All heavy atoms as atom14 arrays in JSON, in Angstrom:
{
  "sequence": "EAAAMPLATLTAWEMLFDRLQVPRAAAGSLLIVGGAGGVGSMAIQL",
  "atom14_mask": [
    [1, 1, 1, 1, 1, 1, 1, 1, 1, 0, 0, 0, 0, 0],
    [1, 1, 1, 1, 1, 0, 0, 0, 0, 0, 0, 0, 0, 0],
    [1, 1, 1, 1, 1, 0, 0, 0, 0, 0, 0, 0, 0, 0],
    [1, 1, 1, 1, 1, 0, 0, 0, 0, 0, 0, 0, 0, 0],
    [1, 1, 1, 1, 1, 1, 1, 1, 0, 0, 0, 0, 0, 0],
    [1, 1, 1, 1, 1, 1, 1, 0, 0, 0, 0, 0, 0, 0],
    [1, 1, 1, 1, 1, 1, 1, 1, 0, 0, 0, 0, 0, 0],
    [1, 1, 1, 1, 1, 0, 0, 0, 0, 0, 0, 0, 0, 0],
    [1, 1, 1, 1, 1, 1, 1, 0, 0, 0, 0, 0, 0, 0],
    [1, 1, 1, 1, 1, 1, 1, 1, 0, 0, 0, 0, 0, 0],
    [1, 1, 1, 1, 1, 1, 1, 0, 0, 0, 0, 0, 0, 0],
    [1, 1, 1, 1, 1, 0, 0, 0, 0, 0, 0, 0, 0, 0],
    [1, 1, 1, 1, 1, 1, 1, 1, 1, 1, 1, 1, 1, 1],
    [1, 1, 1, 1, 1, 1, 1, 1, 1, 0, 0, 0, 0, 0],
    [1, 1, 1, 1, 1, 1, 1, 1, 0, 0, 0, 0, 0, 0],
    [1, 1, 1, 1, 1, 1, 1, 1, 0, 0, 0, 0, 0, 0],
    [1, 1, 1, 1, 1, 1, 1, 1, 1, 1, 1, 0, 0, 0],
    [1, 1, 1, 1, 1, 1, 1, 1, 0, 0, 0, 0, 0, 0],
    [1, 1, 1, 1, 1, 1, 1, 1, 1, 1, 1, 0, 0, 0],
    [1, 1, 1, 1, 1, 1, 1, 1, 0, 0, 0, 0, 0, 0],
    [1, 1, 1, 1, 1, 1, 1, 1, 1, 0, 0, 0, 0, 0],
    [1, 1, 1, 1, 1, 1, 1, 0, 0, 0, 0, 0, 0, 0],
    [1, 1, 1, 1, 1, 1, 1, 0, 0, 0, 0, 0, 0, 0],
    [1, 1, 1, 1, 1, 1, 1, 1, 1, 1, 1, 0, 0, 0],
    [1, 1, 1, 1, 1, 0, 0, 0, 0, 0, 0, 0, 0, 0],
    [1, 1, 1, 1, 1, 0, 0, 0, 0, 0, 0, 0, 0, 0],
    [1, 1, 1, 1, 1, 0, 0, 0, 0, 0, 0, 0, 0, 0],
    [1, 1, 1, 1, 0, 0, 0, 0, 0, 0, 0, 0, 0, 0],
    [1, 1, 1, 1, 1, 1, 0, 0, 0, 0, 0, 0, 0, 0],
    [1, 1, 1, 1, 1, 1, 1, 1, 0, 0, 0, 0, 0, 0],
    [1, 1, 1, 1, 1, 1, 1, 1, 0, 0, 0, 0, 0, 0],
    [1, 1, 1, 1, 1, 1, 1, 1, 0, 0, 0, 0, 0, 0],
    [1, 1, 1, 1, 1, 1, 1, 0, 0, 0, 0, 0, 0, 0],
    [1, 1, 1, 1, 0, 0, 0, 0, 0, 0, 0, 0, 0, 0],
    [1, 1, 1, 1, 0, 0, 0, 0, 0, 0, 0, 0, 0, 0],
    [1, 1, 1, 1, 1, 0, 0, 0, 0, 0, 0, 0, 0, 0],
    [1, 1, 1, 1, 0, 0, 0, 0, 0, 0, 0, 0, 0, 0],
    [1, 1, 1, 1, 0, 0, 0, 0, 0, 0, 0, 0, 0, 0],
    [1, 1, 1, 1, 1, 1, 1, 0, 0, 0, 0, 0, 0, 0],
    [1, 1, 1, 1, 0, 0, 0, 0, 0, 0, 0, 0, 0, 0],
    [1, 1, 1, 1, 1, 1, 0, 0, 0, 0, 0, 0, 0, 0],
    [1, 1, 1, 1, 1, 1, 1, 1, 0, 0, 0, 0, 0, 0],
    [1, 1, 1, 1, 1, 0, 0, 0, 0, 0, 0, 0, 0, 0],
    [1, 1, 1, 1, 1, 1, 1, 1, 0, 0, 0, 0, 0, 0],
    [1, 1, 1, 1, 1, 1, 1, 1, 1, 0, 0, 0, 0, 0],
    [1, 1, 1, 1, 1, 1, 1, 1, 0, 0, 0, 0, 0, 0]
  ],
  "atom14_positions": [
    [[91.74, 83.98, 87.48], [90.26, 83.87, 87.63], [89.91, 83.38, 89.03], [88.91, 83.83, 89.62], [89.72, 82.88, 86.61], [89.87, 83.31, 85.17], [89.49, 82.21, 84.2], [90.06, 81.12, 84.31], [88.62, 82.46, 83.35], [0.0, 0.0, 0.0], [0.0, 0.0, 0.0], [0.0, 0.0, 0.0], [0.0, 0.0, 0.0], [0.0, 0.0, 0.0]],
    [[90.72, 82.47, 89.59], [90.44, 81.96, 90.93], [90.73, 83.0, 92.0], [89.97, 83.13, 92.98], [91.28, 80.71, 91.19], [0.0, 0.0, 0.0], [0.0, 0.0, 0.0], [0.0, 0.0, 0.0], [0.0, 0.0, 0.0], [0.0, 0.0, 0.0], [0.0, 0.0, 0.0], [0.0, 0.0, 0.0], [0.0, 0.0, 0.0], [0.0, 0.0, 0.0]],
    [[91.79, 83.79, 91.83], [92.16, 84.76, 92.85], [91.11, 85.82, 93.06], [91.04, 86.43, 94.11], [93.49, 85.42, 92.47], [0.0, 0.0, 0.0], [0.0, 0.0, 0.0], [0.0, 0.0, 0.0], [0.0, 0.0, 0.0], [0.0, 0.0, 0.0], [0.0, 0.0, 0.0], [0.0, 0.0, 0.0], [0.0, 0.0, 0.0], [0.0, 0.0, 0.0]],
    [[90.23, 86.03, 92.09], [89.2, 87.05, 92.19], [88.12, 86.69, 93.19], [87.34, 87.57, 93.57], [88.55, 87.28, 90.82], [0.0, 0.0, 0.0], [0.0, 0.0, 0.0], [0.0, 0.0, 0.0], [0.0, 0.0, 0.0], [0.0, 0.0, 0.0], [0.0, 0.0, 0.0], [0.0, 0.0, 0.0], [0.0, 0.0, 0.0], [0.0, 0.0, 0.0]],
    [[88.05, 85.45, 93.67], [86.84, 84.98, 94.32], [86.85, 84.75, 95.83], [85.8, 84.93, 96.45], [86.38, 83.67, 93.63], [86.05, 83.85, 92.17], [85.5, 82.29, 91.4], [83.97, 81.96, 92.29], [0.0, 0.0, 0.0], [0.0, 0.0, 0.0], [0.0, 0.0, 0.0], [0.0, 0.0, 0.0], [0.0, 0.0, 0.0], [0.0, 0.0, 0.0]],
    [[87.95, 84.33, 96.47], [87.81, 83.81, 97.84], [87.19, 84.77, 98.86], [86.26, 84.4, 99.58], [89.25, 83.45, 98.23], [89.88, 83.11, 96.91], [89.28, 84.07, 95.95], [0.0, 0.0, 0.0], [0.0, 0.0, 0.0], [0.0, 0.0, 0.0], [0.0, 0.0, 0.0], [0.0, 0.0, 0.0], [0.0, 0.0, 0.0], [0.0, 0.0, 0.0]],
    [[87.69, 85.98, 99.01], [87.16, 86.85, 100.05], [85.69, 87.16, 99.83], [84.88, 87.11, 100.77], [87.98, 88.16, 100.12], [87.62, 89.11, 101.27], [88.85, 89.84, 101.8], [86.56, 90.12, 100.87], [0.0, 0.0, 0.0], [0.0, 0.0, 0.0], [0.0, 0.0, 0.0], [0.0, 0.0, 0.0], [0.0, 0.0, 0.0], [0.0, 0.0, 0.0]],
    [[85.33, 87.52, 98.6], [83.93, 87.82, 98.32], [83.05, 86.59, 98.49], [81.92, 86.7, 99.0], [83.8, 88.36, 96.88], [0.0, 0.0, 0.0], [0.0, 0.0, 0.0], [0.0, 0.0, 0.0], [0.0, 0.0, 0.0], [0.0, 0.0, 0.0], [0.0, 0.0, 0.0], [0.0, 0.0, 0.0], [0.0, 0.0, 0.0], [0.0, 0.0, 0.0]],
    [[83.56, 85.43, 98.09], [82.8, 84.18, 98.26], [82.55, 83.87, 99.72], [81.41, 83.59, 100.13], [83.55, 83.02, 97.61], [83.64, 83.27, 96.19], [82.85, 81.71, 97.85], [0.0, 0.0, 0.0], [0.0, 0.0, 0.0], [0.0, 0.0, 0.0], [0.0, 0.0, 0.0], [0.0, 0.0, 0.0], [0.0, 0.0, 0.0], [0.0, 0.0, 0.0]],
    [[83.57, 83.95, 100.52], [83.42, 83.65, 101.95], [82.5, 84.64, 102.63], [81.66, 84.27, 103.44], [84.8, 83.65, 102.63], [85.72, 82.47, 102.27], [87.15, 82.74, 102.71], [85.2, 81.18, 102.88], [0.0, 0.0, 0.0], [0.0, 0.0, 0.0], [0.0, 0.0, 0.0], [0.0, 0.0, 0.0], [0.0, 0.0, 0.0], [0.0, 0.0, 0.0]],
    [[82.65, 85.92, 102.31], [81.81, 86.95, 102.9], [80.36, 86.73, 102.55], [79.46, 86.74, 103.43], [82.25, 88.35, 102.46], [83.61, 88.53, 102.83], [81.39, 89.43, 103.1], [0.0, 0.0, 0.0], [0.0, 0.0, 0.0], [0.0, 0.0, 0.0], [0.0, 0.0, 0.0], [0.0, 0.0, 0.0], [0.0, 0.0, 0.0], [0.0, 0.0, 0.0]],
    [[80.08, 86.5, 101.27], [78.7, 86.32, 100.81], [78.1, 85.04, 101.41], [76.95, 85.03, 101.87], [78.64, 86.3, 99.3], [0.0, 0.0, 0.0], [0.0, 0.0, 0.0], [0.0, 0.0, 0.0], [0.0, 0.0, 0.0], [0.0, 0.0, 0.0], [0.0, 0.0, 0.0], [0.0, 0.0, 0.0], [0.0, 0.0, 0.0], [0.0, 0.0, 0.0]],
    [[78.85, 83.94, 101.38], [78.37, 82.67, 101.9], [78.08, 82.78, 103.39], [77.0, 82.37, 103.87], [79.38, 81.58, 101.64], [78.93, 80.21, 102.04], [78.75, 79.73, 103.32], [78.58, 79.11, 101.16], [78.34, 78.42, 103.31], [78.22, 78.02, 102.01], [78.58, 78.96, 99.8], [77.82, 76.8, 101.47], [78.19, 77.73, 99.26], [77.82, 76.67, 100.11]],
    [[79.01, 83.31, 104.14], [78.81, 83.39, 105.59], [77.64, 84.28, 105.95], [76.88, 83.99, 106.88], [80.11, 83.9, 106.27], [81.23, 82.89, 106.23], [82.51, 83.35, 106.93], [82.58, 84.54, 107.32], [83.45, 82.53, 107.06], [0.0, 0.0, 0.0], [0.0, 0.0, 0.0], [0.0, 0.0, 0.0], [0.0, 0.0, 0.0], [0.0, 0.0, 0.0]],
    [[77.47, 85.39, 105.23], [76.32, 86.25, 105.52], [75.01, 85.56, 105.19], [74.08, 85.49, 106.02], [76.42, 87.56, 104.74], [75.2, 88.46, 104.91], [74.9, 88.94, 106.64], [75.9, 90.41, 106.73], [0.0, 0.0, 0.0], [0.0, 0.0, 0.0], [0.0, 0.0, 0.0], [0.0, 0.0, 0.0], [0.0, 0.0, 0.0], [0.0, 0.0, 0.0]],
    [[74.92, 84.98, 103.99], [73.66, 84.37, 103.58], [73.28, 83.16, 104.42], [72.15, 83.05, 104.89], [73.75, 83.97, 102.11], [73.77, 85.09, 101.08], [74.04, 84.53, 99.7], [72.46, 85.88, 101.09], [0.0, 0.0, 0.0], [0.0, 0.0, 0.0], [0.0, 0.0, 0.0], [0.0, 0.0, 0.0], [0.0, 0.0, 0.0], [0.0, 0.0, 0.0]],
    [[74.26, 82.26, 104.61], [73.89, 80.97, 105.2], [74.24, 80.81, 106.68], [73.58, 80.07, 107.39], [74.56, 79.88, 104.37], [74.17, 79.89, 102.92], [75.13, 80.01, 101.94], [72.87, 79.8, 102.55], [74.79, 80.06, 100.58], [72.49, 79.86, 101.21], [73.47, 79.98, 100.22], [0.0, 0.0, 0.0], [0.0, 0.0, 0.0], [0.0, 0.0, 0.0]],
    [[75.25, 81.56, 107.17], [75.6, 81.48, 108.6], [74.91, 82.56, 109.41], [74.4, 82.27, 110.51], [77.11, 81.6, 108.78], [77.88, 80.45, 108.2], [77.25, 79.45, 107.84], [79.12, 80.54, 108.06], [0.0, 0.0, 0.0], [0.0, 0.0, 0.0], [0.0, 0.0, 0.0], [0.0, 0.0, 0.0], [0.0, 0.0, 0.0], [0.0, 0.0, 0.0]],
    [[74.91, 83.8, 108.92], [74.33, 84.89, 109.69], [72.84, 85.05, 109.46], [72.02, 84.99, 110.37], [75.05, 86.22, 109.37], [76.55, 86.13, 109.25], [77.25, 85.66, 110.52], [78.67, 85.55, 110.27], [79.45, 84.65, 110.85], [78.98, 83.78, 111.71], [80.77, 84.65, 110.57], [0.0, 0.0, 0.0], [0.0, 0.0, 0.0], [0.0, 0.0, 0.0]],
    [[72.45, 85.25, 108.19], [71.04, 85.46, 107.87], [70.23, 84.16, 107.81], [69.01, 84.18, 107.92], [70.9, 86.19, 106.54], [71.44, 87.63, 106.5], [71.49, 88.16, 105.09], [70.62, 88.54, 107.38], [0.0, 0.0, 0.0], [0.0, 0.0, 0.0], [0.0, 0.0, 0.0], [0.0, 0.0, 0.0], [0.0, 0.0, 0.0], [0.0, 0.0, 0.0]],
    [[70.95, 83.04, 107.66], [70.32, 81.71, 107.62], [69.15, 81.68, 106.63], [68.06, 81.24, 106.95], [69.87, 81.31, 109.01], [71.05, 81.16, 109.99], [70.64, 80.65, 111.35], [69.47, 80.67, 111.72], [71.62, 80.19, 112.11], [0.0, 0.0, 0.0], [0.0, 0.0, 0.0], [0.0, 0.0, 0.0], [0.0, 0.0, 0.0], [0.0, 0.0, 0.0]],
    [[69.43, 82.16, 105.4], [68.39, 82.16, 104.4], [68.02, 80.72, 104.06], [68.87, 79.83, 104.02], [68.79, 82.93, 103.13], [69.09, 84.38, 103.44], [70.0, 82.27, 102.45], [0.0, 0.0, 0.0], [0.0, 0.0, 0.0], [0.0, 0.0, 0.0], [0.0, 0.0, 0.0], [0.0, 0.0, 0.0], [0.0, 0.0, 0.0], [0.0, 0.0, 0.0]],
    [[66.74, 80.46, 103.82], [66.32, 79.1, 103.48], [66.79, 78.7, 102.09], [66.88, 79.54, 101.19], [64.81, 79.17, 103.56], [64.47, 80.62, 103.27], [65.6, 81.4, 103.85], [0.0, 0.0, 0.0], [0.0, 0.0, 0.0], [0.0, 0.0, 0.0], [0.0, 0.0, 0.0], [0.0, 0.0, 0.0], [0.0, 0.0, 0.0], [0.0, 0.0, 0.0]],
    [[67.08, 77.45, 101.91], [67.52, 76.97, 100.61], [66.34, 76.69, 99.67], [66.44, 76.92, 98.45], [68.35, 75.67, 100.75], [69.65, 75.82, 101.54], [70.65, 76.71, 100.83], [71.94, 76.69, 101.5], [72.99, 76.01, 101.09], [72.9, 75.28, 99.99], [74.13, 76.05, 101.74], [0.0, 0.0, 0.0], [0.0, 0.0, 0.0], [0.0, 0.0, 0.0]],
    [[65.22, 76.18, 100.21], [64.11, 75.74, 99.36], [62.9, 76.66, 99.41], [62.14, 76.74, 98.44], [63.69, 74.32, 99.78], [0.0, 0.0, 0.0], [0.0, 0.0, 0.0], [0.0, 0.0, 0.0], [0.0, 0.0, 0.0], [0.0, 0.0, 0.0], [0.0, 0.0, 0.0], [0.0, 0.0, 0.0], [0.0, 0.0, 0.0], [0.0, 0.0, 0.0]],
    [[62.69, 77.39, 100.51], [61.5, 78.23, 100.62], [61.58, 79.44, 99.75], [62.65, 80.02, 99.56], [61.33, 78.61, 102.12], [0.0, 0.0, 0.0], [0.0, 0.0, 0.0], [0.0, 0.0, 0.0], [0.0, 0.0, 0.0], [0.0, 0.0, 0.0], [0.0, 0.0, 0.0], [0.0, 0.0, 0.0], [0.0, 0.0, 0.0], [0.0, 0.0, 0.0]],
    [[60.42, 79.88, 99.24], [60.37, 81.09, 98.42], [60.49, 82.3, 99.33], [60.28, 82.24, 100.54], [59.06, 81.13, 97.67], [0.0, 0.0, 0.0], [0.0, 0.0, 0.0], [0.0, 0.0, 0.0], [0.0, 0.0, 0.0], [0.0, 0.0, 0.0], [0.0, 0.0, 0.0], [0.0, 0.0, 0.0], [0.0, 0.0, 0.0], [0.0, 0.0, 0.0]],
    [[60.88, 83.41, 98.75], [61.03, 84.65, 99.5], [61.76, 85.66, 98.63], [62.01, 85.42, 97.44], [0.0, 0.0, 0.0], [0.0, 0.0, 0.0], [0.0, 0.0, 0.0], [0.0, 0.0, 0.0], [0.0, 0.0, 0.0], [0.0, 0.0, 0.0], [0.0, 0.0, 0.0], [0.0, 0.0, 0.0], [0.0, 0.0, 0.0], [0.0, 0.0, 0.0]],
    [[62.11, 86.79, 99.22], [62.75, 87.87, 98.45], [63.99, 88.33, 99.17], [64.02, 88.47, 100.38], [61.78, 89.01, 98.2], [61.21, 89.44, 99.44], [0.0, 0.0, 0.0], [0.0, 0.0, 0.0], [0.0, 0.0, 0.0], [0.0, 0.0, 0.0], [0.0, 0.0, 0.0], [0.0, 0.0, 0.0], [0.0, 0.0, 0.0], [0.0, 0.0, 0.0]],
    [[65.04, 88.61, 98.37], [66.32, 89.1, 98.91], [66.73, 90.35, 98.16], [66.8, 90.34, 96.92], [67.39, 88.02, 98.72], [68.86, 88.44, 98.93], [69.13, 88.79, 100.4], [69.8, 87.35, 98.45], [0.0, 0.0, 0.0], [0.0, 0.0, 0.0], [0.0, 0.0, 0.0], [0.0, 0.0, 0.0], [0.0, 0.0, 0.0], [0.0, 0.0, 0.0]],
    [[67.0, 91.42, 98.87], [67.51, 92.66, 98.29], [68.99, 92.75, 98.61], [69.39, 92.72, 99.77], [66.78, 93.88, 98.86], [67.33, 95.25, 98.48], [67.22, 95.47, 96.98], [66.65, 96.36, 99.26], [0.0, 0.0, 0.0], [0.0, 0.0, 0.0], [0.0, 0.0, 0.0], [0.0, 0.0, 0.0], [0.0, 0.0, 0.0], [0.0, 0.0, 0.0]],
    [[69.82, 92.89, 97.59], [71.27, 93.03, 97.73], [71.63, 94.46, 97.36], [71.52, 94.84, 96.19], [72.04, 92.02, 96.86], [71.66, 90.58, 97.25], [73.55, 92.25, 97.0], [72.21, 89.53, 96.31], [0.0, 0.0, 0.0], [0.0, 0.0, 0.0], [0.0, 0.0, 0.0], [0.0, 0.0, 0.0], [0.0, 0.0, 0.0], [0.0, 0.0, 0.0]],
    [[72.06, 95.25, 98.34], [72.47, 96.62, 98.08], [73.95, 96.6, 97.69], [74.81, 96.19, 98.46], [72.26, 97.5, 99.31], [72.72, 98.92, 99.05], [70.79, 97.49, 99.73], [0.0, 0.0, 0.0], [0.0, 0.0, 0.0], [0.0, 0.0, 0.0], [0.0, 0.0, 0.0], [0.0, 0.0, 0.0], [0.0, 0.0, 0.0], [0.0, 0.0, 0.0]],
    [[74.26, 97.1, 96.49], [75.63, 97.03, 95.98], [75.86, 95.76, 95.19], [76.86, 95.06, 95.42], [0.0, 0.0, 0.0], [0.0, 0.0, 0.0], [0.0, 0.0, 0.0], [0.0, 0.0, 0.0], [0.0, 0.0, 0.0], [0.0, 0.0, 0.0], [0.0, 0.0, 0.0], [0.0, 0.0, 0.0], [0.0, 0.0, 0.0], [0.0, 0.0, 0.0]],
    [[75.01, 95.46, 94.27], [75.06, 94.16, 93.58], [76.24, 93.99, 92.66], [76.65, 92.85, 92.4], [0.0, 0.0, 0.0], [0.0, 0.0, 0.0], [0.0, 0.0, 0.0], [0.0, 0.0, 0.0], [0.0, 0.0, 0.0], [0.0, 0.0, 0.0], [0.0, 0.0, 0.0], [0.0, 0.0, 0.0], [0.0, 0.0, 0.0], [0.0, 0.0, 0.0]],
    [[76.83, 95.07, 92.18], [77.91, 94.95, 91.19], [79.3, 94.82, 91.83], [80.26, 94.48, 91.14], [77.9, 96.1, 90.22], [0.0, 0.0, 0.0], [0.0, 0.0, 0.0], [0.0, 0.0, 0.0], [0.0, 0.0, 0.0], [0.0, 0.0, 0.0], [0.0, 0.0, 0.0], [0.0, 0.0, 0.0], [0.0, 0.0, 0.0], [0.0, 0.0, 0.0]],
    [[79.42, 95.07, 93.11], [80.72, 94.93, 93.77], [81.1, 93.47, 93.92], [80.33, 92.58, 93.58], [0.0, 0.0, 0.0], [0.0, 0.0, 0.0], [0.0, 0.0, 0.0], [0.0, 0.0, 0.0], [0.0, 0.0, 0.0], [0.0, 0.0, 0.0], [0.0, 0.0, 0.0], [0.0, 0.0, 0.0], [0.0, 0.0, 0.0], [0.0, 0.0, 0.0]],
    [[82.29, 93.22, 94.46], [82.74, 91.85, 94.58], [81.83, 90.98, 95.41], [81.4, 89.91, 94.99], [0.0, 0.0, 0.0], [0.0, 0.0, 0.0], [0.0, 0.0, 0.0], [0.0, 0.0, 0.0], [0.0, 0.0, 0.0], [0.0, 0.0, 0.0], [0.0, 0.0, 0.0], [0.0, 0.0, 0.0], [0.0, 0.0, 0.0], [0.0, 0.0, 0.0]],
    [[81.49, 91.42, 96.61], [80.62, 90.62, 97.5], [79.23, 90.53, 96.92], [78.61, 89.44, 96.91], [80.59, 91.23, 98.91], [79.58, 90.5, 99.78], [81.99, 91.17, 99.54], [0.0, 0.0, 0.0], [0.0, 0.0, 0.0], [0.0, 0.0, 0.0], [0.0, 0.0, 0.0], [0.0, 0.0, 0.0], [0.0, 0.0, 0.0], [0.0, 0.0, 0.0]],
    [[78.71, 91.64, 96.42], [77.39, 91.6, 95.79], [77.34, 90.64, 94.62], [76.36, 89.91, 94.44], [0.0, 0.0, 0.0], [0.0, 0.0, 0.0], [0.0, 0.0, 0.0], [0.0, 0.0, 0.0], [0.0, 0.0, 0.0], [0.0, 0.0, 0.0], [0.0, 0.0, 0.0], [0.0, 0.0, 0.0], [0.0, 0.0, 0.0], [0.0, 0.0, 0.0]],
    [[78.4, 90.62, 93.83], [78.46, 89.71, 92.67], [78.38, 88.25, 93.08], [77.72, 87.42, 92.4], [79.77, 89.96, 91.87], [79.8, 91.26, 91.35], [0.0, 0.0, 0.0], [0.0, 0.0, 0.0], [0.0, 0.0, 0.0], [0.0, 0.0, 0.0], [0.0, 0.0, 0.0], [0.0, 0.0, 0.0], [0.0, 0.0, 0.0], [0.0, 0.0, 0.0]],
    [[79.07, 87.9, 94.18], [79.0, 86.52, 94.65], [77.65, 86.24, 95.33], [77.1, 85.15, 95.19], [80.16, 86.23, 95.61], [81.49, 86.05, 94.92], [81.49, 84.84, 93.57], [80.78, 83.39, 94.38], [0.0, 0.0, 0.0], [0.0, 0.0, 0.0], [0.0, 0.0, 0.0], [0.0, 0.0, 0.0], [0.0, 0.0, 0.0], [0.0, 0.0, 0.0]],
    [[77.12, 87.22, 96.08], [75.85, 87.0, 96.74], [74.72, 86.78, 95.75], [73.85, 85.9, 95.97], [75.52, 88.22, 97.62], [0.0, 0.0, 0.0], [0.0, 0.0, 0.0], [0.0, 0.0, 0.0], [0.0, 0.0, 0.0], [0.0, 0.0, 0.0], [0.0, 0.0, 0.0], [0.0, 0.0, 0.0], [0.0, 0.0, 0.0], [0.0, 0.0, 0.0]],
    [[74.76, 87.48, 94.62], [73.77, 87.26, 93.57], [73.83, 85.83, 93.11], [72.82, 85.11, 93.01], [73.96, 88.23, 92.39], [73.59, 89.65, 92.79], [73.15, 87.77, 91.18], [73.97, 90.68, 91.75], [0.0, 0.0, 0.0], [0.0, 0.0, 0.0], [0.0, 0.0, 0.0], [0.0, 0.0, 0.0], [0.0, 0.0, 0.0], [0.0, 0.0, 0.0]],
    [[75.03, 85.34, 92.79], [75.17, 83.99, 92.25], [74.75, 82.92, 93.25], [74.02, 82.0, 92.93], [76.62, 83.74, 91.82], [77.09, 84.57, 90.65], [78.4, 84.07, 90.15], [78.51, 83.07, 89.45], [79.47, 84.8, 90.51], [0.0, 0.0, 0.0], [0.0, 0.0, 0.0], [0.0, 0.0, 0.0], [0.0, 0.0, 0.0], [0.0, 0.0, 0.0]],
    [[75.24, 83.05, 94.49], [74.92, 82.04, 95.5], [73.42, 82.0, 95.78], [72.84, 80.9, 95.91], [75.69, 82.34, 96.79], [77.22, 82.2, 96.71], [77.87, 82.64, 98.01], [77.63, 80.74, 96.4], [0.0, 0.0, 0.0], [0.0, 0.0, 0.0], [0.0, 0.0, 0.0], [0.0, 0.0, 0.0], [0.0, 0.0, 0.0], [0.0, 0.0, 0.0]]
  ]
}
């Protein structure tokens, strides 16, 4: 279960919070293209 997560988790986290710098508290809208793939699955959750 753990092995399924690191690459997708790091990719999604770095994109959302390091590159796109999405706000944590402010409202807004996010479109994730490819939501069912590994990275999309983690991006949805995060």
